[in-house]
């Protein structure tokens, strides 16, 4: 009993901090005034939390709780503020207190699950999410937490798998946009594209000025090869916010899907102007020109990528493949000069495959297969020499 009393005393101090020991004895605040002050301090705390000014957020959430001891959203804000400061011990203590104080409310259990999930204590996190569902089987937040948890784990054989958790989170709270986005992306991963499109279309129709659902819808159209719809949707995203670089990537890939390579290159180049230190647009341009067998152009863009990042395994692999594909076996057989030129190109390809192997990182197996294919190609272009 003494231990329990000590824990509650510690929690009380944690929430309210060191308050002044003297108080005005003739305080005349009415209950409605106290609630009003609680909301006022809560709004201040929310603003500070939003701007990551965690100490000020904590002070205001504590004042809000002092004015209204059952204001559960203020407890949530206080916990998130502790987490923002990476003070996970105080956050854990607060959530434990919430579970004790509000045993019939899932919020404390969900908060604890989220915290443990963040700390990669997945078994503990899963337990608290299930505890939340025992309290409220319709808790969208608990289902969303489980879905996010299963994103980080191997496929679960349990009843509450990732897709069903996302689905239930959306069903129990249609305004839980994070759950909707997660569900749509999960559907795309398992190639249930039309479900993802229908879900995102519904959200976008309900929130026409929200950028994120539109952006996700455009991506879903792109993944389902509905390129014209993707372009139309990406352009809507661009009208709402022209600073989102992935929009230009989506437009470029959509035009590439339509085989409109001029417009595709235009938007890839737009990406280059917006992110000059990145290799990403150069890699996509390299892939595009390999796709249409313009290998010299592909090599030119990939050289630019390697100039920025000499050990980029993606650029090295694409460069090796571009040089390999550049060799035309029929042309190489026509003359000794062509044959010698083909050998030089294949050696160039081999040098990039060997570079990948030396780095001992990604694509080592692909590089070894590439070297084997080079030897086969050498025999193919003039078998009498081998």
Protein backbone atom coordinates (compact mmCIF):
# COMPACT_ATOMS: atom_id res chain seq x y z
CA UNK A 1 0.00 0.00 0.00
CA UNK A 2 2.81 2.41 0.85
CA UNK A 3 4.42 1.65 -2.50
CA UNK A 4 1.17 2.45 -4.35
CA UNK A 5 0.76 5.70 -2.44
CA UNK A 6 4.34 6.65 -3.28
CA UNK A 7 3.75 6.00 -7.00
CA UNK A 8 0.64 8.20 -7.04
CA UNK A 9 2.48 10.94 -5.17
CA UNK A 10 5.32 10.77 -7.74
CA UNK A 11 2.85 10.93 -10.63
CA UNK A 12 1.09 13.92 -9.05
CA UNK A 13 4.41 15.77 -8.78
CA UNK A 14 5.30 14.79 -12.38
CA UNK A 15 2.07 16.27 -13.74
CA UNK A 16 1.87 19.46 -11.77
CA UNK A 17 5.56 20.19 -11.24
CA UNK A 18 6.75 22.28 -8.39
CA UNK A 19 3.83 24.58 -7.70
CA UNK A 20 4.01 27.50 -5.28
CA UNK A 21 3.18 26.45 -1.74
CA UNK A 22 1.01 29.48 -1.08
CA UNK A 23 -2.39 29.85 -2.67
CA UNK A 24 -5.09 32.47 -2.46
CA UNK A 25 -7.67 31.13 -0.06
CA UNK A 26 -10.57 33.18 -1.39
CA UNK A 27 -10.40 31.90 -4.96
CA UNK A 28 -13.88 32.34 -6.43
CA UNK A 29 -13.54 30.64 -9.84
CA UNK A 30 -16.70 28.84 -10.81
CA UNK A 31 -16.53 25.38 -12.48
CA UNK A 32 -17.31 26.90 -15.91
CA UNK A 33 -14.44 29.34 -15.50
CA UNK A 34 -12.13 26.46 -14.59
CA UNK A 35 -13.13 24.57 -17.73
CA UNK A 36 -12.59 27.71 -19.80
CA UNK A 37 -9.10 28.17 -18.32
CA UNK A 38 -8.32 24.49 -18.95
CA UNK A 39 -9.19 24.90 -22.63
CA UNK A 40 -7.21 28.14 -22.82
CA UNK A 41 -4.05 26.52 -21.42
CA UNK A 42 -4.65 23.44 -23.58
CA UNK A 43 -4.79 25.58 -26.73
CA UNK A 44 -1.56 27.30 -25.71
CA UNK A 45 0.04 23.91 -25.10
CA UNK A 46 -1.10 22.60 -28.48
CA UNK A 47 0.45 25.58 -30.25
CA UNK A 48 3.74 25.18 -28.40
CA UNK A 49 3.76 21.45 -29.11
CA UNK A 50 3.09 22.09 -32.80
CA UNK A 51 6.11 24.39 -32.91
CA UNK A 52 8.24 21.93 -30.88
CA UNK A 53 8.65 24.32 -27.95
CA UNK A 54 8.29 21.44 -25.56
CA UNK A 55 9.05 23.07 -22.19
CA UNK A 56 6.38 25.72 -22.72
CA UNK A 57 3.97 23.08 -23.99
CA UNK A 58 4.53 21.04 -20.83
CA UNK A 59 3.86 24.01 -18.55
CA UNK A 60 0.59 24.85 -20.30
CA UNK A 61 -0.66 21.26 -20.43
CA UNK A 62 0.11 20.95 -16.72
CA UNK A 63 -1.90 24.11 -16.01
CA UNK A 64 -4.74 22.77 -18.15
CA UNK A 65 -4.81 19.54 -16.13
CA UNK A 66 -4.67 21.51 -12.89
CA UNK A 67 -7.82 23.36 -13.95
CA UNK A 68 -9.61 20.21 -15.11
CA UNK A 69 -8.28 16.92 -13.73
CA UNK A 70 -10.33 14.82 -16.16
CA UNK A 71 -9.24 16.68 -19.33
CA UNK A 72 -7.81 13.64 -21.08
CA UNK A 73 -6.64 15.49 -24.20
CA UNK A 74 -4.38 17.60 -22.00
CA UNK A 75 -2.79 14.40 -20.67
CA UNK A 76 -2.24 13.28 -24.26
CA UNK A 77 -0.58 16.59 -25.12
CA UNK A 78 1.61 16.40 -22.03
CA UNK A 79 2.75 12.90 -22.95
CA UNK A 80 3.56 13.91 -26.53
CA UNK A 81 5.54 16.86 -25.18
CA UNK A 82 7.60 14.54 -22.99
CA UNK A 83 8.17 12.30 -26.01
CA UNK A 84 9.18 15.35 -28.06
CA UNK A 85 11.90 16.01 -25.49
CA UNK A 86 12.79 12.29 -25.66
CA UNK A 87 11.98 12.10 -21.98
CA UNK A 88 10.49 8.65 -22.39
CA UNK A 89 10.61 7.82 -18.69
CA UNK A 90 8.25 10.65 -17.78
CA UNK A 91 6.04 9.86 -20.77
CA UNK A 92 5.80 6.23 -19.67
CA UNK A 93 4.97 7.26 -16.09
CA UNK A 94 2.27 9.63 -17.31
CA UNK A 95 0.65 7.00 -19.55
CA UNK A 96 0.74 4.52 -16.68
CA UNK A 97 -1.08 7.09 -14.54
CA UNK A 98 -3.65 7.63 -17.33
CA UNK A 99 -4.35 3.89 -17.45
CA UNK A 100 -4.97 3.89 -13.68
CA UNK A 101 -7.02 7.10 -13.64
CA UNK A 102 -9.06 6.37 -16.79
CA UNK A 103 -9.34 2.55 -16.88
CA UNK A 104 -12.43 2.61 -19.11
CA UNK A 105 -10.81 4.91 -21.69
CA UNK A 106 -8.44 3.40 -24.32
CA UNK A 107 -6.29 6.57 -24.65
CA UNK A 108 -3.72 5.65 -21.98
CA UNK A 109 -3.31 2.13 -23.36
CA UNK A 110 -2.93 3.43 -26.93
CA UNK A 111 -0.40 6.06 -25.84
CA UNK A 112 1.64 3.38 -24.08
CA UNK A 113 1.43 1.16 -27.17
CA UNK A 114 2.62 4.02 -29.38
CA UNK A 115 5.51 4.75 -27.03
CA UNK A 116 6.67 1.14 -26.87
CA UNK A 117 6.32 0.83 -30.64
CA UNK A 118 8.53 3.90 -31.04
CA UNK A 119 11.06 2.30 -28.69
CA UNK A 120 10.86 -0.95 -30.75
CA UNK A 121 9.45 -2.89 -27.79
CA UNK A 122 6.99 -4.53 -30.12
CA UNK A 123 5.65 -7.27 -27.85
CA UNK A 124 4.83 -4.76 -25.11
CA UNK A 125 3.30 -2.39 -27.65
CA UNK A 126 1.07 -5.11 -29.07
CA UNK A 127 -0.15 -6.02 -25.56
CA UNK A 128 -1.21 -2.44 -24.81
CA UNK A 129 -3.02 -2.09 -28.13
CA UNK A 130 -4.98 -5.24 -27.36
CA UNK A 131 -5.68 -3.91 -23.85
CA UNK A 132 -7.09 -0.77 -25.48
CA UNK A 133 -9.37 -2.91 -27.65
CA UNK A 134 -10.59 -4.79 -24.58
CA UNK A 135 -11.69 -1.43 -23.19
CA UNK A 136 -13.12 -0.18 -26.50
CA UNK A 137 -13.40 -2.61 -29.39
CA UNK A 138 -14.11 0.30 -31.76
CA UNK A 139 -10.91 2.24 -31.00
CA UNK A 140 -9.63 3.48 -34.36
CA UNK A 141 -6.39 4.63 -32.74
CA UNK A 142 -5.70 1.15 -31.35
CA UNK A 143 -6.29 -0.51 -34.72
CA UNK A 144 -4.12 2.08 -36.44
CA UNK A 145 -1.37 1.51 -33.87
CA UNK A 146 -1.49 -2.24 -34.49
CA UNK A 147 -1.39 -1.71 -38.25
CA UNK A 148 1.66 0.53 -37.91
CA UNK A 149 3.24 -2.03 -35.59
CA UNK A 150 2.74 -4.82 -38.11
CA UNK A 151 4.37 -2.64 -40.78
CA UNK A 152 7.62 -3.18 -38.84
CA UNK A 153 7.17 -6.91 -38.27
CA UNK A 154 7.04 -10.01 -40.45
CA UNK A 155 3.56 -10.94 -41.69
CA UNK A 156 1.41 -11.80 -38.70
CA UNK A 157 -0.58 -15.01 -38.49
CA UNK A 158 -2.85 -13.44 -35.92
CA UNK A 159 -6.43 -12.42 -36.52
CA UNK A 160 -5.51 -8.72 -36.39
CA UNK A 161 -3.22 -8.53 -39.40
CA UNK A 162 -2.03 -5.28 -40.92
CA UNK A 163 -4.69 -4.86 -43.61
CA UNK A 164 -7.62 -5.69 -41.35
CA UNK A 165 -6.30 -3.29 -38.70
CA UNK A 166 -6.10 -0.45 -41.20
CA UNK A 167 -9.56 -1.30 -42.49
CA UNK A 168 -11.08 -1.29 -39.00
CA UNK A 169 -9.29 1.94 -38.10
CA UNK A 170 -10.87 3.57 -41.15
CA UNK A 171 -14.31 2.08 -40.50
CA UNK A 172 -14.44 3.18 -36.87
CA UNK A 173 -13.12 6.67 -37.64
CA UNK A 174 -13.57 7.79 -41.25
CA UNK A 175 -11.76 11.05 -40.41
CA UNK A 176 -8.59 9.20 -39.36
CA UNK A 177 -6.67 10.29 -42.46
CA UNK A 178 -3.40 8.73 -41.29
CA UNK A 179 -5.12 5.35 -41.11
CA UNK A 180 -6.64 5.90 -44.57
CA UNK A 181 -3.26 6.72 -46.10
CA UNK A 182 -1.65 3.73 -44.40
CA UNK A 183 -4.46 1.45 -45.60
CA UNK A 184 -4.19 2.73 -49.17
CA UNK A 185 -0.42 2.20 -49.26
CA UNK A 186 -0.82 -1.29 -47.78
CA UNK A 187 -3.41 -2.09 -50.46
CA UNK A 188 -1.02 -0.91 -53.17
CA UNK A 189 1.73 -3.16 -51.77
CA UNK A 190 -0.53 -6.21 -52.12
CA UNK A 191 -1.59 -4.98 -55.58
CA UNK A 192 -5.19 -4.24 -54.63
CA UNK A 193 -4.90 -1.07 -56.63
CA UNK A 194 -8.55 -0.35 -57.33
CA UNK A 195 -9.44 -0.51 -53.62
CA UNK A 196 -6.65 1.95 -52.91
CA UNK A 197 -7.83 4.30 -55.67
CA UNK A 198 -11.46 4.15 -54.49
CA UNK A 199 -10.44 4.89 -50.89
CA UNK A 200 -8.19 7.81 -51.78
CA UNK A 201 -10.73 9.20 -54.26
CA UNK A 202 -13.35 9.27 -51.49
CA UNK A 203 -11.00 11.07 -49.09
CA UNK A 204 -9.94 13.55 -51.78
CA UNK A 205 -13.55 14.30 -52.71
CA UNK A 206 -14.35 14.97 -49.04
CA UNK A 207 -11.24 17.12 -48.55
CA UNK A 208 -10.57 18.80 -51.95
CA UNK A 209 -8.07 21.30 -50.52
CA UNK A 210 -5.98 18.70 -48.68
CA UNK A 211 -2.70 18.02 -50.45
CA UNK A 212 -1.84 14.63 -48.95
CA UNK A 213 -4.88 12.63 -50.13
CA UNK A 214 -4.54 14.13 -53.61
CA UNK A 215 -0.86 13.27 -53.70
CA UNK A 216 -1.55 9.71 -52.57
CA UNK A 217 -4.35 9.39 -55.10
CA UNK A 218 -2.02 10.53 -57.88
CA UNK A 219 0.53 7.92 -56.77
CA UNK A 220 -2.16 5.24 -56.81
CA UNK A 221 -3.16 6.22 -60.36
CA UNK A 222 0.51 6.06 -61.35
CA UNK A 223 0.95 2.60 -59.82
CA UNK A 224 -2.17 1.38 -61.62
CA UNK A 225 -0.85 2.82 -64.90
CA UNK A 226 -3.74 5.28 -65.20
CA UNK A 227 -1.24 7.84 -66.42
CA UNK A 228 -3.61 10.53 -67.67
CA UNK A 229 -5.53 10.53 -64.38
CA UNK A 230 -2.21 10.61 -62.53
CA UNK A 231 -1.10 13.67 -64.50
CA UNK A 232 -4.41 15.42 -63.91
CA UNK A 233 -4.20 14.72 -60.16
CA UNK A 234 -0.53 15.67 -59.83
CA UNK A 235 -1.35 18.99 -61.52
CA UNK A 236 -4.05 19.60 -58.90
CA UNK A 237 -1.47 18.90 -56.20
CA UNK A 238 0.87 21.36 -57.88
CA UNK A 239 -1.81 24.05 -57.84
CA UNK A 240 -2.23 23.59 -54.07
CA UNK A 241 1.50 23.40 -53.31
CA UNK A 242 4.14 23.81 -56.02
CA UNK A 243 7.03 23.04 -53.64
CA UNK A 244 6.40 19.28 -53.39
CA UNK A 245 9.26 17.72 -55.34
CA UNK A 246 7.65 14.26 -55.56
CA UNK A 247 4.91 15.83 -57.69
CA UNK A 248 7.43 16.48 -60.45
CA UNK A 249 8.77 12.94 -60.12
CA UNK A 250 5.21 11.62 -60.44
CA UNK A 251 4.56 13.79 -63.49
CA UNK A 252 7.81 12.67 -65.11
CA UNK A 253 7.06 8.98 -64.51
CA UNK A 254 3.49 9.42 -65.76
CA UNK A 255 4.64 11.01 -69.01
CA UNK A 256 7.26 8.29 -69.32
CA UNK A 257 4.47 5.73 -68.94
CA UNK A 258 2.69 7.45 -71.84
CA UNK A 259 5.96 7.32 -73.82
CA UNK A 260 5.98 11.11 -73.93
CA UNK A 261 9.71 11.27 -73.26
CA UNK A 262 10.04 14.98 -74.00
CA UNK A 263 7.69 15.95 -71.19
CA UNK A 264 9.14 13.26 -68.95
CA UNK A 265 12.62 14.73 -69.37
CA UNK A 266 11.22 18.22 -68.74
CA UNK A 267 9.92 17.22 -65.30
CA UNK A 268 13.00 15.19 -64.42
CA UNK A 269 15.03 18.31 -65.20
CA UNK A 270 12.65 20.32 -63.00
CA UNK A 271 13.62 17.96 -60.19
CA UNK A 272 17.29 18.55 -60.92
CA UNK A 273 16.78 22.31 -60.55
CA UNK A 274 14.97 21.81 -57.23
CA UNK A 275 17.36 19.23 -55.76
CA UNK A 276 20.74 19.85 -57.44
CA UNK A 277 22.67 17.67 -55.00
CA UNK A 278 20.51 14.57 -55.48
CA UNK A 279 21.27 11.66 -57.80
CA UNK A 280 17.59 10.58 -58.00
CA UNK A 281 16.50 12.47 -61.17
CA UNK A 282 19.69 11.43 -62.99
CA UNK A 283 19.00 7.78 -62.14
CA UNK A 284 15.46 8.02 -63.48
CA UNK A 285 16.68 9.73 -66.64
CA UNK A 286 19.30 7.01 -67.07
CA UNK A 287 16.65 4.32 -66.70
CA UNK A 288 14.34 6.09 -69.14
CA UNK A 289 16.92 6.34 -71.89
CA UNK A 290 17.95 2.72 -71.34
CA UNK A 291 14.28 1.82 -71.77
CA UNK A 292 14.23 3.43 -75.23
CA UNK A 293 17.71 2.08 -76.08
CA UNK A 294 19.43 5.47 -76.23
CA UNK A 295 22.38 4.19 -74.26
CA UNK A 296 24.73 7.13 -74.82
CA UNK A 297 22.19 9.52 -73.31
CA UNK A 298 21.64 7.10 -70.43
CA UNK A 299 25.37 6.91 -69.78
CA UNK A 300 25.65 10.71 -69.87
CA UNK A 301 23.04 11.12 -67.11
CA UNK A 302 24.46 8.27 -65.04
CA UNK A 303 27.92 9.85 -65.22
CA UNK A 304 26.38 12.96 -63.67
CA UNK A 305 24.90 10.85 -60.90
CA UNK A 306 28.27 9.23 -60.20
CA UNK A 307 29.97 12.62 -60.20
CA UNK A 308 27.75 13.54 -57.26
CA UNK A 309 27.97 10.15 -55.54
CA UNK A 310 30.82 7.96 -56.84
CA UNK A 311 29.81 4.91 -54.80
CA UNK A 312 26.06 5.03 -55.44
CA UNK A 313 25.26 1.34 -56.05
CA UNK A 314 22.16 2.14 -58.11
CA UNK A 315 24.14 4.37 -60.47
CA UNK A 316 26.98 1.83 -60.72
CA UNK A 317 24.58 -1.01 -61.57
CA UNK A 318 22.70 1.04 -64.16
CA UNK A 319 25.96 2.20 -65.72
CA UNK A 320 27.23 -1.38 -65.97
CA UNK A 321 23.95 -2.47 -67.57
CA UNK A 322 23.92 0.48 -69.97
CA UNK A 323 27.39 -0.36 -71.30
CA UNK A 324 26.49 -4.05 -71.55
CA UNK A 325 23.29 -3.32 -73.49
CA UNK A 326 25.10 -0.87 -75.75
CA UNK A 327 26.88 -3.76 -77.45
CA UNK A 328 24.97 -4.95 -80.51
CA UNK A 329 26.04 -8.59 -81.13
CA UNK A 330 25.06 -8.51 -84.81
CA UNK A 331 26.99 -5.31 -85.47
CA UNK A 332 30.00 -6.58 -83.52
CA UNK A 333 30.32 -9.60 -85.81
CA UNK A 334 30.53 -7.56 -89.00
CA UNK A 335 34.14 -6.47 -88.74
CA UNK A 336 37.24 -6.82 -86.60
CA UNK A 337 37.02 -3.09 -85.83
CA UNK A 338 33.46 -3.49 -84.55
CA UNK A 339 34.53 -6.53 -82.54
CA UNK A 340 37.39 -4.66 -80.84
CA UNK A 341 35.07 -1.73 -80.04
CA UNK A 342 32.52 -4.13 -78.54
CA UNK A 343 35.22 -5.64 -76.33
CA UNK A 344 36.17 -2.20 -75.01
CA UNK A 345 32.54 -1.46 -74.18
CA UNK A 346 32.13 -4.82 -72.40
CA UNK A 347 35.29 -4.19 -70.40
CA UNK A 348 33.84 -0.85 -69.37
CA UNK A 349 30.70 -2.65 -68.24
CA UNK A 350 32.83 -5.16 -66.31
CA UNK A 351 34.69 -2.35 -64.53
CA UNK A 352 31.42 -1.08 -63.02
CA UNK A 353 30.28 -4.58 -62.03
CA UNK A 354 33.67 -5.12 -60.36
CA UNK A 355 33.33 -1.81 -58.55
CA UNK A 356 30.04 -3.01 -57.04
CA UNK A 357 31.70 -6.24 -55.88
CA UNK A 358 34.60 -4.30 -54.33
CA UNK A 359 32.19 -2.17 -52.30
CA UNK A 360 30.59 -5.34 -50.84
CA UNK A 361 27.24 -3.60 -50.51
CA UNK A 362 24.07 -3.80 -52.58
CA UNK A 363 23.80 -5.70 -55.87
CA UNK A 364 26.84 -7.97 -55.41
CA UNK A 365 24.91 -10.99 -56.77
CA UNK A 366 23.61 -8.91 -59.68
CA UNK A 367 27.16 -7.81 -60.45
CA UNK A 368 28.47 -11.38 -60.40
CA UNK A 369 25.66 -12.41 -62.79
CA UNK A 370 26.53 -9.39 -64.95
CA UNK A 371 30.17 -10.52 -65.25
CA UNK A 372 29.00 -14.01 -66.25
CA UNK A 373 26.76 -12.47 -68.93
CA UNK A 374 29.70 -10.43 -70.25
CA UNK A 375 31.70 -13.63 -70.79
CA UNK A 376 28.73 -15.17 -72.60
CA UNK A 377 28.36 -12.07 -74.76
CA UNK A 378 32.07 -12.20 -75.71
CA UNK A 379 31.62 -15.76 -76.97
CA UNK A 380 28.41 -14.80 -78.72
CA UNK A 381 29.91 -11.99 -80.78
CA UNK A 382 32.79 -14.19 -82.07
CA UNK A 383 32.77 -17.77 -80.79
CA UNK A 384 35.80 -18.72 -82.97
CA UNK A 385 38.05 -16.54 -80.79
CA UNK A 386 37.17 -18.35 -77.51
